[in-house]
Amino acid sequence: MTRRFGKAADSATERRDPGSRPGRDLHAELTQKIVSQIEAGSGAFKMPWHRPGIGFTIPRNALTDARYCGSNILWLWIDADEKKFEHQVWATYKQWSELGAQVRGGEKGTLIVKYGEWVPKSEREKHVQSNDEEDAAKRLYAKPAHVFNIDQVEAPAELRARLLPSEAPRPDLTVRLAHADAYLAATGAEFREGGQRAFYRHRSSNGEGDFIQMPPRTLFTGTDTSTPTESYESTRLHELGHWSGADHRLNRNYGERFGDHAYAFEELVAELTAAYLCAELEITNVPRPDHAQYIAGWLEVLKNDTRAIFTAAAAASTAVAYLNGLQPQVLEAEPSVPTETPAPNSASPGHSPHRPSLIS
C-alpha cells in the first residue's frame, strides 16, 4: 500500500478501525505538557549555540586600525548587540570606500563622537611671535560621525581576510541524523550556513530571499537540558516552521487578531512546530524544556489572550501537516500477520526502538 509520512492524521486523532484503541492526539499531548512546564516556571531561554562575545572586544577602525575609546566603545557595543553584528570592525562611509569596500544600500550607520583639537584665532595671534608651546591654548572639540560595521559592507575577500582574525575550527558536537536531513531536503527549503543567527528570510518583492539561515553546526553546544544535536535539529525545524507560513505557502497572517503582537504569535507557531516535528522524527522523546523556556517569553506579550497558545498549536499542526505532505510517497509492503499482536509502541526486550524512516 502507499502511505505518506504523517499525512493528515498527524494533525488530529488518527483514524483507526472500529473497535480498536482510540488514537492519541500527539500534538495536543505535547502542547499540554509545554503549557504545564510554562505554568510551573520554565526559567530563562538559553541560546543553544555558541555566540562569541563580540561586545567585549574593543572596536577598532578598519582603515587606521586604531581602537575606539570612551563612550564610543559603549555605543558600538550596544549597536553590535542589537543588530547581531559578528565583528567589531568599523569605518566611515568614506573610509570604507578608500579600502575598496562599498556600504550596502539602505544600511544605517552608528553614531559616534569624533574628538579633535583646535587653537582659537586670538591664541594663534598671541603666540605667533613667541616660542612658547601652544599646547595650553588648544581646545578640544567634538562632532558627530557615523560609522558602519564590516557586516554592513560588501568587501573583497582579501580585505575581509586582512581585517578579521581567523578563529580556530571548533569540533562538531552534533550527531548527524540522516532521516532528519532527508525530511528537510524533501521540503525543498533552501538552507544557508554562516553567521551567528538563525532566521528565515522572507521573499521580497524583487524575488530575493525565501531561505533559511543557520549558524554553522559546529557552533551548537546545546543547553543544560538539550544535547547539541537536539538543539541543532530543533533550531532547523523552528525556522522551517517560519518557512511554511510564507505568503506563497500557508500564507499565515494573524495581524488582524494580534495586531502588534503578530510577530510574537508567529514565534509561538514556529516553536510548537519544532516541538511536534522533534517528536515525530524521534529527535527527542519528550518535549524539551527549552521549548517551554522559549515560548514563555512570548506568552508574556500575549498574556491578555488566554487562547493564544491553543490557536498557535492548531496553526502548528497545520504547518506539520503541510510539511509532511511534501515528503515523497513510499511503497510499503503489507506486513505479515503475527501470531500475537504486540501492544502499540512496545519494543522487544533488549532492543531499542528503531529510528523512523519517512513512513509513519
Protein backbone atom coordinates (compact mmCIF):
# COMPACT_ATOMS: atom_id res chain seq x y z
CA MET A 1 0.00 0.00 0.00
CA THR A 2 1.03 3.61 -0.47
CA ARG A 3 1.41 5.85 2.54
CA ARG A 4 2.70 9.35 3.01
CA PHE A 5 4.70 10.34 6.09
CA GLY A 6 2.45 11.88 8.71
CA LYS A 7 -0.40 12.55 6.32
CA ALA A 8 -3.43 14.46 7.62
CA ALA A 9 -3.76 12.15 10.59
CA ASP A 10 -0.72 13.76 12.19
CA SER A 11 -2.63 16.98 12.81
CA ALA A 12 -5.53 15.29 14.54
CA THR A 13 -6.56 11.98 16.03
CA GLU A 14 -5.60 9.08 13.77
CA ARG A 15 -8.36 7.16 12.03
CA ARG A 16 -8.49 3.58 13.16
CA ASP A 17 -10.69 0.59 12.56
CA PRO A 18 -13.88 0.44 14.63
CA GLY A 19 -13.27 -1.23 17.95
CA SER A 20 -9.52 -0.54 18.01
CA ARG A 21 -7.80 1.56 20.66
CA PRO A 22 -8.59 5.28 20.40
CA GLY A 23 -5.84 7.22 18.63
CA ARG A 24 -3.57 9.59 20.51
CA ASP A 25 -3.52 13.26 19.57
CA LEU A 26 0.23 13.64 19.88
CA HIS A 27 0.16 17.38 19.22
CA ALA A 28 -2.44 18.01 21.91
CA GLU A 29 -0.45 16.00 24.44
CA LEU A 30 2.76 17.85 23.65
CA THR A 31 1.05 21.23 23.80
CA GLN A 32 -0.45 20.46 27.21
CA LYS A 33 2.92 19.34 28.57
CA ILE A 34 4.56 22.52 27.32
CA VAL A 35 1.81 24.63 28.87
CA SER A 36 2.34 22.79 32.16
CA GLN A 37 6.08 23.48 32.01
CA ILE A 38 5.43 27.16 31.40
CA GLU A 39 2.97 27.37 34.28
CA ALA A 40 5.44 25.59 36.54
CA GLY A 41 8.13 28.12 35.69
CA SER A 42 10.40 27.13 32.85
CA GLY A 43 13.26 29.53 33.51
CA ALA A 44 15.10 31.74 31.06
CA PHE A 45 15.74 30.69 27.49
CA LYS A 46 19.38 29.96 26.70
CA MET A 47 20.83 30.27 23.21
CA PRO A 48 21.59 26.69 22.11
CA TRP A 49 24.64 27.70 20.08
CA HIS A 50 27.87 29.45 20.91
CA ARG A 51 27.97 33.12 20.03
CA PRO A 52 31.38 34.77 20.54
CA GLY A 53 31.35 37.70 22.94
CA ILE A 54 31.90 40.36 20.29
CA GLY A 55 30.54 43.01 22.63
CA PHE A 56 33.62 42.69 24.80
CA THR A 57 36.12 43.11 22.00
CA ILE A 58 37.34 46.69 21.77
CA PRO A 59 36.01 48.15 18.49
CA ARG A 60 38.66 49.24 16.02
CA ASN A 61 38.80 51.27 12.85
CA ALA A 62 39.18 49.35 9.60
CA LEU A 63 41.37 51.97 7.91
CA THR A 64 43.65 53.13 10.75
CA ASP A 65 43.46 50.02 12.98
CA ALA A 66 43.09 52.47 15.90
CA ARG A 67 40.87 51.43 18.78
CA TYR A 68 37.81 53.48 19.58
CA CYS A 69 37.71 54.88 23.08
CA GLY A 70 35.46 56.43 25.70
CA SER A 71 31.71 56.43 25.15
CA ASN A 72 32.18 55.32 21.54
CA ILE A 73 33.01 51.83 22.81
CA LEU A 74 29.65 51.65 24.54
CA TRP A 75 27.70 52.92 21.51
CA LEU A 76 29.39 50.42 19.22
CA TRP A 77 28.93 47.54 21.67
CA ILE A 78 25.22 48.31 22.04
CA ASP A 79 24.63 48.62 18.30
CA ALA A 80 26.58 45.47 17.52
CA ASP A 81 24.49 43.52 20.02
CA GLU A 82 21.16 44.92 18.80
CA LYS A 83 21.96 44.31 15.13
CA LYS A 84 23.74 40.99 15.80
CA PHE A 85 26.96 42.02 14.10
CA GLU A 86 29.64 39.36 14.27
CA HIS A 87 32.70 41.61 14.37
CA GLN A 88 33.88 44.86 15.93
CA VAL A 89 35.45 46.43 12.84
CA TRP A 90 34.06 49.83 11.84
CA ALA A 91 34.76 52.74 9.50
CA THR A 92 33.03 55.74 7.99
CA TYR A 93 31.47 55.54 4.55
CA LYS A 94 34.45 57.39 3.07
CA GLN A 95 36.97 55.17 4.81
CA TRP A 96 35.30 52.01 3.50
CA SER A 97 35.44 53.50 0.01
CA GLU A 98 39.16 54.16 0.42
CA LEU A 99 39.59 50.50 1.35
CA GLY A 100 37.78 49.38 -1.79
CA ALA A 101 34.59 48.32 0.00
CA GLN A 102 31.03 49.51 -0.51
CA VAL A 103 28.40 50.11 2.17
CA ARG A 104 25.21 48.29 1.17
CA GLY A 105 22.24 50.38 0.15
CA GLY A 106 19.79 51.09 2.96
CA GLU A 107 22.28 50.42 5.76
CA LYS A 108 22.22 52.87 8.65
CA GLY A 109 25.40 53.97 10.35
CA THR A 110 26.09 54.03 14.08
CA LEU A 111 26.51 57.45 15.65
CA ILE A 112 29.82 58.12 17.39
CA VAL A 113 31.62 61.26 18.54
CA LYS A 114 34.87 62.37 16.92
CA TYR A 115 37.24 64.46 19.00
CA GLY A 116 39.85 66.87 17.75
CA GLU A 117 41.94 69.87 18.82
CA TRP A 118 41.89 73.46 17.65
CA VAL A 119 43.50 76.76 18.66
CA PRO A 120 41.37 79.91 18.77
CA LYS A 121 42.47 82.67 16.38
CA SER A 122 43.25 85.02 19.26
CA GLU A 123 45.55 82.47 20.79
CA ARG A 124 47.31 81.81 17.48
CA GLU A 125 47.99 85.56 17.03
CA LYS A 126 49.19 85.86 20.62
CA HIS A 127 51.82 83.18 20.15
CA VAL A 128 52.83 83.89 16.55
CA GLN A 129 55.92 85.84 17.66
CA SER A 130 56.59 83.56 20.63
CA ASN A 131 58.49 80.36 21.01
CA ASP A 132 56.14 79.21 23.77
CA GLU A 133 54.42 75.90 23.36
CA GLU A 134 50.84 76.29 22.19
CA ASP A 135 49.53 73.18 23.95
CA ALA A 136 47.93 75.19 26.73
CA ALA A 137 45.98 77.22 24.17
CA LYS A 138 44.47 74.19 22.41
CA ARG A 139 40.81 73.40 22.81
CA LEU A 140 39.03 70.08 22.36
CA TYR A 141 36.02 69.85 20.07
CA ALA A 142 33.51 67.11 19.38
CA LYS A 143 31.43 66.46 16.28
CA PRO A 144 29.11 63.62 15.30
CA ALA A 145 30.10 60.97 12.80
CA HIS A 146 28.55 57.77 11.53
CA VAL A 147 30.44 54.52 11.12
CA PHE A 148 29.42 51.24 9.50
CA ASN A 149 30.25 47.74 10.65
CA ILE A 150 32.08 45.37 8.34
CA ASP A 151 28.92 43.26 8.28
CA GLN A 152 27.17 46.19 6.54
CA VAL A 153 29.53 46.40 3.59
CA GLU A 154 30.48 44.45 0.52
CA ALA A 155 34.21 43.94 0.89
CA PRO A 156 36.71 42.00 -1.23
CA ALA A 157 37.64 38.63 0.23
CA GLU A 158 41.27 39.65 0.67
CA LEU A 159 40.21 42.74 2.64
CA ARG A 160 37.98 40.72 4.95
CA ALA A 161 40.75 38.20 5.47
CA ARG A 162 43.11 41.01 6.44
CA LEU A 163 40.67 42.74 8.80
CA LEU A 164 39.09 39.76 10.51
CA PRO A 165 41.03 37.45 12.79
CA SER A 166 40.89 33.79 11.90
CA GLU A 167 39.32 31.53 14.50
CA ALA A 168 40.46 28.03 15.30
CA PRO A 169 37.99 25.45 13.97
CA ARG A 170 35.52 24.19 16.54
CA PRO A 171 34.72 20.48 16.94
CA ASP A 172 31.33 19.30 15.75
CA LEU A 173 29.45 18.14 18.86
CA THR A 174 26.30 17.16 16.97
CA VAL A 175 25.35 13.77 15.59
CA ARG A 176 24.15 13.80 12.01
CA LEU A 177 20.67 12.32 11.65
CA ALA A 178 20.15 11.04 8.11
CA HIS A 179 16.37 10.78 8.47
CA ALA A 180 16.13 14.41 9.64
CA ASP A 181 18.34 15.54 6.76
CA ALA A 182 16.11 13.62 4.33
CA TYR A 183 12.95 15.14 5.78
CA LEU A 184 14.21 18.71 5.44
CA ALA A 185 15.64 18.07 1.97
CA ALA A 186 12.26 16.77 0.76
CA THR A 187 10.59 20.08 1.64
CA GLY A 188 12.74 21.91 -0.90
CA ALA A 189 13.60 24.64 1.62
CA GLU A 190 16.90 26.41 0.93
CA PHE A 191 19.28 26.33 3.89
CA ARG A 192 22.34 28.56 4.11
CA GLU A 193 25.04 28.23 6.73
CA GLY A 194 27.08 31.02 8.27
CA GLY A 195 26.96 33.83 10.78
CA GLN A 196 25.70 33.65 14.32
CA ARG A 197 21.94 33.96 13.87
CA ALA A 198 19.19 31.58 12.84
CA PHE A 199 16.37 33.11 10.82
CA TYR A 200 14.03 32.74 7.86
CA ARG A 201 14.37 35.50 5.26
CA HIS A 202 11.01 36.19 3.62
CA ARG A 203 10.86 36.62 -0.12
CA SER A 204 10.99 40.28 -1.10
CA SER A 205 9.04 41.98 -3.90
CA ASN A 206 12.00 41.54 -6.25
CA GLY A 207 12.09 37.79 -5.63
CA GLU A 208 15.13 37.74 -3.35
CA GLY A 209 15.12 35.88 -0.06
CA ASP A 210 12.96 32.86 0.84
CA PHE A 211 15.79 30.99 2.53
CA ILE A 212 16.74 29.78 6.00
CA GLN A 213 20.00 30.97 7.55
CA MET A 214 21.64 28.76 10.17
CA PRO A 215 24.80 29.20 12.25
CA PRO A 216 27.41 26.52 11.46
CA ARG A 217 26.52 23.30 13.23
CA THR A 218 29.93 23.37 14.93
CA LEU A 219 28.69 26.34 16.98
CA PHE A 220 25.90 24.31 18.59
CA THR A 221 26.88 23.38 22.13
CA GLY A 222 23.43 22.52 23.48
CA THR A 223 21.92 23.70 26.74
CA ASP A 224 21.55 22.33 30.24
CA THR A 225 18.51 20.35 29.10
CA SER A 226 19.28 19.59 25.45
CA THR A 227 22.10 17.92 23.61
CA PRO A 228 23.88 19.77 20.78
CA THR A 229 22.05 17.52 18.30
CA GLU A 230 18.64 18.27 19.79
CA SER A 231 19.42 21.98 19.80
CA TYR A 232 20.62 21.99 16.20
CA GLU A 233 17.73 19.98 14.79
CA SER A 234 15.13 21.86 16.83
CA THR A 235 16.51 25.18 15.55
CA ARG A 236 16.38 23.96 11.96
CA LEU A 237 12.79 22.81 12.42
CA HIS A 238 11.83 26.09 14.10
CA GLU A 239 12.98 28.05 11.07
CA LEU A 240 11.30 25.51 8.78
CA GLY A 241 8.11 26.34 10.66
CA HIS A 242 8.53 30.00 9.70
CA TRP A 243 9.28 28.93 6.11
CA SER A 244 5.97 27.03 5.92
CA GLY A 245 4.00 30.16 6.80
CA ALA A 246 5.24 32.27 3.88
CA ASP A 247 2.55 34.00 1.83
CA HIS A 248 3.14 31.70 -1.15
CA ARG A 249 2.77 28.61 1.07
CA LEU A 250 0.35 28.61 4.02
CA ASN A 251 0.03 32.41 3.98
CA ARG A 252 -0.03 32.54 7.77
CA ASN A 253 -1.12 36.00 8.84
CA TYR A 254 -2.71 36.83 12.18
CA GLY A 255 -2.20 40.58 12.14
CA GLU A 256 -5.92 41.36 12.36
CA ARG A 257 -6.31 39.42 15.60
CA PHE A 258 -2.99 40.07 17.30
CA GLY A 259 -2.01 43.41 15.80
CA ASP A 260 1.44 44.44 17.01
CA HIS A 261 1.83 41.04 18.67
CA ALA A 262 1.53 39.11 15.40
CA TYR A 263 5.31 38.56 15.37
CA ALA A 264 5.16 37.05 18.85
CA PHE A 265 2.33 34.77 17.77
CA GLU A 266 4.34 33.59 14.76
CA GLU A 267 7.19 32.64 17.11
CA LEU A 268 4.75 30.55 19.13
CA VAL A 269 3.66 28.73 15.99
CA ALA A 270 7.23 28.09 14.83
CA GLU A 271 8.40 26.76 18.19
CA LEU A 272 5.41 24.46 18.57
CA THR A 273 6.01 23.23 15.01
CA ALA A 274 9.57 22.40 16.04
CA ALA A 275 8.33 20.58 19.14
CA TYR A 276 5.88 18.48 17.14
CA LEU A 277 8.43 17.59 14.46
CA CYS A 278 11.08 16.73 17.07
CA ALA A 279 8.61 14.19 18.42
CA GLU A 280 7.54 12.83 15.03
CA LEU A 281 11.13 12.43 13.89
CA GLU A 282 12.09 10.96 17.29
CA ILE A 283 14.77 13.57 17.80
CA THR A 284 13.51 13.83 21.36
CA ASN A 285 11.28 11.51 23.35
CA VAL A 286 9.61 14.22 25.45
CA PRO A 287 9.07 17.96 24.98
CA ARG A 288 12.33 19.76 25.66
CA PRO A 289 12.18 22.31 28.50
CA ASP A 290 13.89 24.65 26.03
CA HIS A 291 10.61 24.80 24.07
CA ALA A 292 8.75 25.98 27.15
CA GLN A 293 11.51 28.43 28.07
CA TYR A 294 11.40 29.99 24.61
CA ILE A 295 7.62 30.17 24.42
CA ALA A 296 7.24 31.56 27.95
CA GLY A 297 8.80 34.85 26.87
CA TRP A 298 6.27 35.31 24.08
CA LEU A 299 3.35 34.35 26.31
CA GLU A 300 4.16 37.39 28.41
CA VAL A 301 3.36 39.51 25.39
CA LEU A 302 0.16 37.58 24.72
CA LYS A 303 -0.97 37.30 28.34
CA ASN A 304 -4.25 39.06 27.56
CA ASP A 305 -5.24 36.33 25.11
CA THR A 306 -5.56 33.13 27.09
CA ARG A 307 -6.37 31.11 23.97
CA ALA A 308 -3.29 32.20 22.05
CA ILE A 309 -1.27 29.07 22.86
CA PHE A 310 -4.09 26.83 21.62
CA THR A 311 -4.61 28.85 18.45
CA ALA A 312 -0.87 28.59 17.86
CA ALA A 313 -1.00 24.85 18.49
CA ALA A 314 -3.66 24.43 15.80
CA ALA A 315 -1.60 26.52 13.36
CA ALA A 316 1.48 24.44 14.18
CA SER A 317 -0.42 21.22 13.44
CA THR A 318 -1.43 22.70 10.09
CA ALA A 319 2.23 23.52 9.40
CA VAL A 320 3.30 19.97 10.26
CA ALA A 321 0.62 18.50 8.00
CA TYR A 322 1.80 20.77 5.18
CA LEU A 323 5.46 19.78 5.65
CA ASN A 324 4.57 16.10 5.91
CA GLY A 325 2.66 16.47 2.66
CA LEU A 326 5.90 17.48 0.93
CA GLN A 327 7.51 14.15 1.78
CA PRO A 328 7.83 11.55 -1.00
CA GLN A 329 5.39 8.68 -1.24
CA VAL A 330 6.95 5.39 -0.25
CA LEU A 331 5.62 1.95 -1.15
CA GLU A 332 5.28 -0.20 1.93
CA ALA A 333 4.87 -3.95 1.78
CA GLU A 334 1.87 -5.44 3.53
CA PRO A 335 3.01 -6.70 6.95
CA SER A 336 2.69 -10.36 7.76
CA VAL A 337 0.15 -11.20 10.44
CA PRO A 338 1.88 -12.19 13.68
CA THR A 339 0.54 -14.95 15.88
CA GLU A 340 0.26 -12.47 18.72
CA THR A 341 -0.33 -8.77 18.20
CA PRO A 342 2.13 -6.77 20.29
CA ALA A 343 0.93 -3.77 22.23
CA PRO A 344 1.35 -0.47 20.37
CA ASN A 345 4.77 1.23 20.76
CA SER A 346 6.20 -1.82 22.52
CA ALA A 347 9.77 -2.96 21.91
CA SER A 348 11.29 -6.38 22.31
CA PRO A 349 13.38 -6.85 25.44
CA GLY A 350 16.93 -5.77 24.86
CA HIS A 351 16.10 -3.83 21.69
CA SER A 352 15.67 -0.09 21.43
CA PRO A 353 13.02 1.39 19.12
CA HIS A 354 14.33 1.92 15.59
CA ARG A 355 14.87 5.33 14.07
CA PRO A 356 11.86 6.29 11.93
CA SER A 357 12.01 6.12 8.19
CA LEU A 358 9.99 8.56 6.11
CA ILE A 359 6.93 6.47 6.85
CA SER A 360 4.82 6.59 9.98
